[in-house]
N, C-alpha and C. Protein backbone atom coordinates (compact mmCIF):
# COMPACT_ATOMS: atom_id res chain seq x y z
N MET A 1 0.87 -1.12 0.00
CA MET A 1 -0.01 -0.06 0.01
C MET A 1 0.86 1.27 0.00
N GLN A 2 0.63 2.16 -0.89
CA GLN A 2 1.31 3.37 -0.98
C GLN A 2 1.01 4.29 0.20
N PRO A 3 2.07 4.97 0.77
CA PRO A 3 1.65 5.94 1.81
C PRO A 3 0.85 7.05 1.36
N ASN A 4 -0.11 7.57 2.21
CA ASN A 4 -1.09 8.48 1.80
C ASN A 4 -0.56 9.86 2.40
N TYR A 5 0.38 10.52 1.68
CA TYR A 5 0.89 11.73 2.00
C TYR A 5 -0.19 12.90 2.13
N TYR A 6 -1.22 12.83 1.24
CA TYR A 6 -2.22 13.70 1.21
C TYR A 6 -3.02 13.72 2.58
N GLN A 7 -3.24 12.54 3.15
CA GLN A 7 -3.86 12.40 4.36
C GLN A 7 -2.98 13.08 5.50
N ILE A 8 -1.76 12.78 5.46
CA ILE A 8 -0.78 13.34 6.54
C ILE A 8 -0.69 14.81 6.35
N HIS A 9 -0.70 15.31 5.11
CA HIS A 9 -0.75 16.92 4.96
C HIS A 9 -2.02 17.44 5.53
N ALA A 10 -3.21 16.71 5.35
CA ALA A 10 -4.40 17.11 5.89
C ALA A 10 -4.41 17.23 7.32
N GLN A 11 -3.79 16.09 7.93
CA GLN A 11 -3.63 16.10 9.35
C GLN A 11 -2.90 17.31 9.91
N ILE A 12 -1.90 17.58 9.25
CA ILE A 12 -1.00 18.71 9.73
C ILE A 12 -1.72 20.02 9.62
N TYR A 13 -2.37 20.12 8.34
CA TYR A 13 -3.19 21.35 8.14
C TYR A 13 -4.29 21.70 9.25
N ARG A 14 -4.97 20.49 9.62
CA ARG A 14 -5.98 20.58 10.73
C ARG A 14 -5.38 20.74 12.05
N GLY A 15 -4.09 20.69 12.19
CA GLY A 15 -3.49 20.83 13.50
C GLY A 15 -3.48 19.52 14.29
N ASP A 16 -3.80 18.38 13.62
CA ASP A 16 -3.79 17.12 14.20
C ASP A 16 -2.40 16.55 14.20
N TYR A 17 -1.43 17.20 15.00
CA TYR A 17 -0.09 16.85 14.99
C TYR A 17 0.26 15.50 15.51
N ILE A 18 -0.56 15.09 16.47
CA ILE A 18 -0.21 13.74 17.06
C ILE A 18 -0.40 12.74 16.13
N HIS A 19 -1.58 12.65 15.36
CA HIS A 19 -1.75 11.64 14.32
C HIS A 19 -0.82 11.78 13.12
N ALA A 20 -0.55 13.00 12.79
CA ALA A 20 0.39 13.16 11.70
C ALA A 20 1.72 12.60 12.14
N GLU A 21 2.28 12.86 13.36
CA GLU A 21 3.55 12.35 13.69
C GLU A 21 3.51 10.78 13.75
N LYS A 22 2.48 10.35 14.34
CA LYS A 22 2.38 8.90 14.37
C LYS A 22 2.38 8.23 13.02
N SER A 23 1.64 8.81 12.01
CA SER A 23 1.66 8.33 10.73
C SER A 23 2.94 8.36 10.10
N LEU A 24 3.66 9.42 10.19
CA LEU A 24 5.05 9.63 9.69
C LEU A 24 5.99 8.61 10.34
N LEU A 25 5.94 8.47 11.65
CA LEU A 25 6.89 7.50 12.29
C LEU A 25 6.57 6.09 11.88
N ASN A 26 5.26 5.77 11.68
CA ASN A 26 5.00 4.42 11.13
C ASN A 26 5.57 4.20 9.74
N LEU A 27 5.52 5.20 8.90
CA LEU A 27 6.13 5.10 7.56
C LEU A 27 7.63 4.89 7.62
N LEU A 28 8.29 5.61 8.64
CA LEU A 28 9.70 5.60 8.85
C LEU A 28 10.03 4.23 9.53
N ASP A 29 9.20 3.60 10.31
CA ASP A 29 9.51 2.22 10.75
C ASP A 29 9.70 1.34 9.56
N LYS A 30 8.96 1.44 8.51
CA LYS A 30 8.96 0.64 7.29
C LYS A 30 10.14 0.97 6.49
N ASN A 31 10.52 2.27 6.32
CA ASN A 31 11.68 2.75 5.47
C ASN A 31 12.16 3.86 6.16
N HIS A 32 13.28 3.75 6.84
CA HIS A 32 13.84 4.85 7.59
C HIS A 32 14.64 5.90 6.74
N GLU A 33 14.61 5.58 5.44
CA GLU A 33 15.17 6.62 4.44
C GLU A 33 14.17 7.14 3.56
N ASP A 34 12.88 7.15 3.90
CA ASP A 34 11.85 7.75 3.13
C ASP A 34 11.96 9.25 3.31
N LEU A 35 12.49 9.95 2.13
CA LEU A 35 12.77 11.38 2.27
C LEU A 35 11.56 12.17 2.40
N ASN A 36 10.47 11.70 1.78
CA ASN A 36 9.12 12.48 1.80
C ASN A 36 8.67 12.48 3.36
N ALA A 37 8.71 11.32 3.98
CA ALA A 37 8.26 11.17 5.39
C ALA A 37 9.19 12.00 6.21
N LEU A 38 10.55 11.96 6.04
CA LEU A 38 11.45 12.60 6.91
C LEU A 38 11.27 14.16 6.79
N ASN A 39 11.11 14.60 5.53
CA ASN A 39 10.89 16.01 5.30
C ASN A 39 9.62 16.54 5.99
N LEU A 40 8.49 15.74 5.89
CA LEU A 40 7.28 16.11 6.54
C LEU A 40 7.39 16.18 8.01
N LEU A 41 8.17 15.10 8.46
CA LEU A 41 8.31 15.07 9.95
C LEU A 41 9.15 16.30 10.44
N GLY A 42 10.20 16.58 9.77
CA GLY A 42 11.04 17.80 10.17
C GLY A 42 10.20 19.09 10.09
N ALA A 43 9.49 19.14 9.05
CA ALA A 43 8.46 20.34 8.96
C ALA A 43 7.37 20.41 10.09
N LEU A 44 6.90 19.28 10.36
CA LEU A 44 6.02 19.20 11.50
C LEU A 44 6.64 19.67 12.80
N TYR A 45 7.87 19.11 13.10
CA TYR A 45 8.45 19.54 14.25
C TYR A 45 8.87 21.00 14.32
N LEU A 46 9.27 21.43 13.15
CA LEU A 46 9.49 22.95 12.93
C LEU A 46 8.29 23.71 13.16
N GLN A 47 7.28 23.37 12.68
CA GLN A 47 5.89 24.12 12.81
C GLN A 47 5.53 24.11 14.27
N GLN A 48 5.88 23.14 15.02
CA GLN A 48 5.52 23.13 16.45
C GLN A 48 6.64 23.76 17.35
N SER A 49 7.62 24.24 16.65
CA SER A 49 8.80 24.89 17.46
C SER A 49 9.63 23.85 18.17
N HIS A 50 9.65 22.68 17.81
CA HIS A 50 10.47 21.61 18.35
C HIS A 50 11.77 21.55 17.55
N LEU A 51 12.51 22.68 17.80
CA LEU A 51 13.69 22.93 16.93
C LEU A 51 14.81 21.87 16.96
N GLU A 52 15.03 21.32 18.16
CA GLU A 52 16.13 20.19 18.22
C GLU A 52 15.64 18.93 17.56
N LYS A 53 14.36 18.62 17.62
CA LYS A 53 13.80 17.51 16.89
C LYS A 53 13.81 17.69 15.47
N ALA A 54 13.41 18.81 14.97
CA ALA A 54 13.46 19.10 13.63
C ALA A 54 14.88 19.17 13.07
N LEU A 55 15.81 19.65 13.74
CA LEU A 55 17.23 19.65 13.35
C LEU A 55 17.83 18.23 13.13
N ASP A 56 17.47 17.44 14.16
CA ASP A 56 17.83 15.95 13.97
C ASP A 56 17.31 15.31 12.69
N VAL A 57 15.99 15.62 12.60
CA VAL A 57 15.43 14.95 11.32
C VAL A 57 16.02 15.52 10.06
N PHE A 58 16.26 16.82 9.96
CA PHE A 58 16.84 17.43 8.74
C PHE A 58 18.24 16.99 8.58
N LYS A 59 19.03 16.59 9.61
CA LYS A 59 20.25 16.09 9.53
C LYS A 59 20.28 14.70 9.02
N LYS A 60 19.25 13.89 9.37
CA LYS A 60 19.23 12.57 8.82
C LYS A 60 18.81 12.76 7.23
N VAL A 61 18.00 13.68 6.85
CA VAL A 61 17.72 13.80 5.45
C VAL A 61 19.05 14.37 4.67
N TRP A 62 19.79 15.16 5.32
CA TRP A 62 20.99 15.68 4.76
C TRP A 62 22.01 14.56 4.52
N ALA A 63 22.09 13.64 5.52
CA ALA A 63 23.07 12.48 5.43
C ALA A 63 22.70 11.59 4.25
N ILE A 64 21.36 11.39 4.00
CA ILE A 64 20.87 10.61 2.85
C ILE A 64 21.03 11.16 1.48
N SER A 65 20.65 12.41 1.57
CA SER A 65 20.72 13.16 0.34
C SER A 65 21.22 14.60 0.53
N PRO A 66 22.44 14.82 0.34
CA PRO A 66 23.04 16.24 0.72
C PRO A 66 22.78 17.32 -0.32
N ASN A 67 22.14 16.98 -1.34
CA ASN A 67 21.90 17.92 -2.40
C ASN A 67 20.59 18.62 -2.36
N ILE A 68 19.72 18.37 -1.30
CA ILE A 68 18.47 19.01 -1.17
C ILE A 68 18.62 20.37 -0.43
N PHE A 69 18.49 21.47 -1.22
CA PHE A 69 18.85 22.74 -0.71
C PHE A 69 17.88 23.23 0.46
N PRO A 70 16.55 23.01 0.28
CA PRO A 70 15.66 23.45 1.35
C PRO A 70 15.99 22.81 2.70
N VAL A 71 16.48 21.52 2.73
CA VAL A 71 16.80 20.85 3.94
C VAL A 71 18.02 21.60 4.60
N ALA A 72 19.07 22.00 3.73
CA ALA A 72 20.20 22.75 4.31
C ALA A 72 19.75 24.03 4.84
N TYR A 73 18.85 24.75 4.11
CA TYR A 73 18.30 25.95 4.48
C TYR A 73 17.65 25.94 5.82
N ASN A 74 16.80 24.96 6.04
CA ASN A 74 15.96 24.69 7.24
C ASN A 74 16.85 24.49 8.38
N ALA A 75 17.93 23.51 8.20
CA ALA A 75 18.84 23.34 9.25
C ALA A 75 19.68 24.39 9.65
N ALA A 76 20.06 25.22 8.61
CA ALA A 76 20.86 26.46 9.01
C ALA A 76 19.96 27.45 9.73
N SER A 77 18.78 27.65 9.31
CA SER A 77 17.78 28.53 10.01
C SER A 77 17.52 28.13 11.57
N ILE A 78 17.36 26.79 11.69
CA ILE A 78 17.20 26.35 13.06
C ILE A 78 18.43 26.58 13.87
N LEU A 79 19.60 26.22 13.28
CA LEU A 79 20.81 26.58 14.01
C LEU A 79 21.05 27.99 14.48
N MET A 80 20.66 28.96 13.63
CA MET A 80 20.66 30.31 13.84
C MET A 80 19.69 30.60 14.90
N SER A 81 18.59 30.09 14.92
CA SER A 81 17.47 30.34 15.93
C SER A 81 17.96 29.79 17.38
N LEU A 82 18.90 28.79 17.23
CA LEU A 82 19.31 28.23 18.49
C LEU A 82 20.62 28.93 19.02
N GLY A 83 21.05 29.94 18.21
CA GLY A 83 22.27 30.68 18.61
C GLY A 83 23.47 29.94 18.31
N ARG A 84 23.42 28.88 17.47
CA ARG A 84 24.57 28.08 16.98
C ARG A 84 25.03 28.59 15.65
N HIS A 85 25.43 29.75 15.64
CA HIS A 85 25.72 30.46 14.31
C HIS A 85 26.93 29.77 13.64
N ALA A 86 28.00 29.33 14.30
CA ALA A 86 29.23 28.77 13.60
C ALA A 86 28.76 27.47 12.93
N GLU A 87 27.84 26.70 13.46
CA GLU A 87 27.41 25.47 12.86
C GLU A 87 26.54 25.81 11.67
N ALA A 88 25.88 26.94 11.60
CA ALA A 88 24.92 27.25 10.54
C ALA A 88 25.66 27.69 9.21
N ILE A 89 26.93 27.96 9.28
CA ILE A 89 27.60 28.40 8.15
C ILE A 89 28.08 27.14 7.34
C-alpha cells in the first residue's frame, strides 16, 4: 500500500499533529530513508517549534541526500535560531 501523504498533509493542516507524527513514524519504521516522510516530519516539528527534533530529522535527510537545498536552509535557520551560528555556516 502506498503511503497517503495527502492524508498526512491534511492532518498537519488541521493541527492534528499527534496523528500526523504517528503516521510519519509508522512510515519511517517501514523505510527509515523515506525522504518524503522525513521532510514532512522535520517540517511538522519545525511548525511546532520543536527545533532540536526538527534539526535531528533534517540532519538525517542531509546524510541521505546532501543535495536537497531546502533541507540545508531549514537546518541552518534552526541553528541560527538556537544561537549556534558557527554550525549554521
